[in-house]
C-alpha atoms as a PDB file:
ATOM      1  CA  UNK A   1       0.011   0.108  -0.438  1.00  0.00           C
ATOM      2  CA  UNK A   2       1.284   3.522  -0.671  1.00  0.00           C
ATOM      3  CA  UNK A   3      -0.244   6.609   0.878  1.00  0.00           C
ATOM      4  CA  UNK A   4      -1.649   9.149  -1.772  1.00  0.00           C
ATOM      5  CA  UNK A   5      -1.621  12.797   0.381  1.00  0.00           C
ATOM      6  CA  UNK A   6      -4.963  14.600  -2.822  1.00  0.00           C
ATOM      7  CA  UNK A   7      -3.847  18.280  -3.274  1.00  0.00           C
ATOM      8  CA  UNK A   8      -6.506  19.416  -1.199  1.00  0.00           C
ATOM      9  CA  UNK A   9      -5.307  16.962   2.209  1.00  0.00           C
ATOM     10  CA  UNK A  10      -2.458  18.763   1.662  1.00  0.00           C
ATOM     11  CA  UNK A  11      -3.410  22.378   1.594  1.00  0.00           C
ATOM     12  CA  UNK A  12      -5.548  21.428   4.563  1.00  0.00           C
ATOM     13  CA  UNK A  13      -2.639  20.117   6.213  1.00  0.00           C
ATOM     14  CA  UNK A  14      -0.573  23.615   5.622  1.00  0.00           C
ATOM     15  CA  UNK A  15      -3.421  26.026   6.466  1.00  0.00           C
ATOM     16  CA  UNK A  16      -3.540  24.089  10.231  1.00  0.00           C
ATOM     17  CA  UNK A  17       0.084  24.178  10.978  1.00  0.00           C
ATOM     18  CA  UNK A  18       0.140  27.669   9.558  1.00  0.00           C
ATOM     19  CA  UNK A  19      -3.025  28.397  12.227  1.00  0.00           C
ATOM     20  CA  UNK A  20      -1.702  27.363  15.121  1.00  0.00           C
ATOM     21  CA  UNK A  21       2.264  28.426  14.266  1.00  0.00           C
ATOM     22  CA  UNK A  22       0.786  31.932  14.553  1.00  0.00           C
ATOM     23  CA  UNK A  23      -0.035  30.948  19.142  1.00  0.00           C
ATOM     24  CA  UNK A  24       2.781  27.874  19.165  1.00  0.00           C
ATOM     25  CA  UNK A  25       4.607  27.325  16.524  1.00  0.00           C
ATOM     26  CA  UNK A  26       6.014  23.613  18.323  1.00  0.00           C
ATOM     27  CA  UNK A  27       2.726  22.709  19.147  1.00  0.00           C
ATOM     28  CA  UNK A  28       2.030  23.021  15.350  1.00  0.00           C
ATOM     29  CA  UNK A  29       4.938  20.778  14.176  1.00  0.00           C
ATOM     30  CA  UNK A  30       3.877  18.477  17.027  1.00  0.00           C
ATOM     31  CA  UNK A  31       0.546  18.078  15.620  1.00  0.00           C
ATOM     32  CA  UNK A  32       1.461  18.147  12.034  1.00  0.00           C
ATOM     33  CA  UNK A  33       4.065  15.066  13.070  1.00  0.00           C
ATOM     34  CA  UNK A  34       1.638  12.904  14.854  1.00  0.00           C
ATOM     35  CA  UNK A  35      -0.873  13.209  11.940  1.00  0.00           C
ATOM     36  CA  UNK A  36       1.817  12.369   8.915  1.00  0.00           C
ATOM     37  CA  UNK A  37       2.530   9.417  11.711  1.00  0.00           C
ATOM     38  CA  UNK A  38      -0.997   8.024  11.877  1.00  0.00           C
ATOM     39  CA  UNK A  39      -1.592   8.210   8.266  1.00  0.00           C
ATOM     40  CA  UNK A  40       1.973   6.421   7.803  1.00  0.00           C
ATOM     41  CA  UNK A  41       0.315   3.897  10.380  1.00  0.00           C
ATOM     42  CA  UNK A  42      -2.852   2.937   7.776  1.00  0.00           C
ATOM     43  CA  UNK A  43      -0.079   1.533   5.547  1.00  0.00           C
ATOM     44  CA  UNK A  44       0.325  -1.612   6.876  1.00  0.00           C
ATOM     45  CA  UNK A  45      -3.170  -1.331   8.791  1.00  0.00           C
ATOM     46  CA  UNK A  46      -5.709   0.416   6.063  1.00  0.00           C
ATOM     47  CA  UNK A  47      -9.386  -0.321   8.009  1.00  0.00           C
ATOM     48  CA  UNK A  48      -7.485   1.163  11.250  1.00  0.00           C
ATOM     49  CA  UNK A  49      -9.940   3.865  10.995  1.00  0.00           C
ATOM     50  CA  UNK A  50     -13.542   4.192  11.566  1.00  0.00           C
ATOM     51  CA  UNK A  51     -15.780   4.181   9.153  1.00  0.00           C
ATOM     52  CA  UNK A  52     -16.967   7.671   8.300  1.00  0.00           C
ATOM     53  CA  UNK A  53     -19.944   7.657  10.043  1.00  0.00           C
ATOM     54  CA  UNK A  54     -21.922  10.714   7.720  1.00  0.00           C
ATOM     55  CA  UNK A  55     -21.235   9.085   4.682  1.00  0.00           C
ATOM     56  CA  UNK A  56     -21.679   5.006   6.230  1.00  0.00           C
ATOM     57  CA  UNK A  57     -19.165   3.513   2.603  1.00  0.00           C
ATOM     58  CA  UNK A  58     -17.210   0.582   4.416  1.00  0.00           C
ATOM     59  CA  UNK A  59     -13.853   2.288   1.694  1.00  0.00           C
ATOM     60  CA  UNK A  60     -13.840   5.928   3.085  1.00  0.00           C
ATOM     61  CA  UNK A  61     -12.668   5.890   6.180  1.00  0.00           C
ATOM     62  CA  UNK A  62     -10.840   8.303   9.352  1.00  0.00           C
ATOM     63  CA  UNK A  63      -8.895   8.723  11.457  1.00  0.00           C
ATOM     64  CA  UNK A  64      -9.597  11.055  14.707  1.00  0.00           C
ATOM     65  CA  UNK A  65      -6.711  12.696  16.404  1.00  0.00           C
ATOM     66  CA  UNK A  66      -7.662  15.188  19.533  1.00  0.00           C
ATOM     67  CA  UNK A  67     -10.037  17.789  17.537  1.00  0.00           C
ATOM     68  CA  UNK A  68      -8.889  16.051  13.805  1.00  0.00           C
ATOM     69  CA  UNK A  69     -10.322  14.131  11.317  1.00  0.00           C
ATOM     70  CA  UNK A  70      -8.474  12.246   8.404  1.00  0.00           C
ATOM     71  CA  UNK A  71     -10.016  11.188   5.935  1.00  0.00           C
ATOM     72  CA  UNK A  72      -9.256   9.050   3.473  1.00  0.00           C
ATOM     73  CA  UNK A  73     -10.258   6.226   0.821  1.00  0.00           C
ATOM     74  CA  UNK A  74      -9.018   3.014   0.585  1.00  0.00           C
ATOM     75  CA  UNK A  75      -8.233   1.428  -2.538  1.00  0.00           C
ATOM     76  CA  UNK A  76      -6.244  -1.450  -4.225  1.00  0.00           C
ATOM     77  CA  UNK A  77      -3.347  -0.296  -3.786  1.00  0.00           C
ATOM     78  CA  UNK A  78      -3.569   2.916  -2.596  1.00  0.00           C
ATOM     79  CA  UNK A  79      -4.568   5.073   0.686  1.00  0.00           C
ATOM     80  CA  UNK A  80      -5.995   8.524  -0.644  1.00  0.00           C
ATOM     81  CA  UNK A  81      -5.916  10.898   1.992  1.00  0.00           C
ATOM     82  CA  UNK A  82      -9.005  13.442   0.852  1.00  0.00           C
ATOM     83  CA  UNK A  83      -9.357  16.075   3.659  1.00  0.00           C
ATOM     84  CA  UNK A  84      -8.051  17.205   6.868  1.00  0.00           C
ATOM     85  CA  UNK A  85     -10.367  19.239   9.018  1.00  0.00           C
ATOM     86  CA  UNK A  86     -11.559  19.961  12.851  1.00  0.00           C
ATOM     87  CA  UNK A  87     -14.029  17.742  13.513  1.00  0.00           C
ATOM     88  CA  UNK A  88     -16.314  20.725  15.325  1.00  0.00           C
ATOM     89  CA  UNK A  89     -17.259  21.554  11.181  1.00  0.00           C
ATOM     90  CA  UNK A  90     -19.166  19.535   9.643  1.00  0.00           C
ATOM     91  CA  UNK A  91     -17.858  17.665   6.834  1.00  0.00           C
ATOM     92  CA  UNK A  92     -18.084  18.858   2.617  1.00  0.00           C
ATOM     93  CA  UNK A  93     -19.851  16.233   1.146  1.00  0.00           C
ATOM     94  CA  UNK A  94     -19.805  17.911  -2.226  1.00  0.00           C
ATOM     95  CA  UNK A  95     -16.123  18.290  -1.957  1.00  0.00           C
ATOM     96  CA  UNK A  96     -15.335  15.341  -0.895  1.00  0.00           C
ATOM     97  CA  UNK A  97     -17.832  13.807  -4.084  1.00  0.00           C
ATOM     98  CA  UNK A  98     -14.948  15.835  -6.225  1.00  0.00           C
ATOM     99  CA  UNK A  99     -11.806  14.599  -4.415  1.00  0.00           C
ATOM    100  CA  UNK A 100     -13.036  10.992  -5.355  1.00  0.00           C
ATOM    101  CA  UNK A 101     -14.149  11.250  -8.398  1.00  0.00           C
ATOM    102  CA  UNK A 102     -10.447  12.755  -9.037  1.00  0.00           C
ATOM    103  CA  UNK A 103      -8.508  10.244  -7.682  1.00  0.00           C
END
């Protein structure tokens, strides 16, 4: 298995890091490092995350860390990281659908 970060997910990660860095650059780096580490674990255990409750589709899952959600799509040979966002925000199903079509 290989991990593929979509443009959207990379943009999300950068926004999160930029925002947190304004107050605490070290905390921002630690958070991003942890999120990346959790994603790397998916290579060995792709079904580690739970099925996204709003979708109930077995191959679209998410891992949770603190108040962040990392949504990913399991394919035959790859894991596509679709989006990363704060858990209190609603899942943008339309954008997610576009991400799936484009990857």
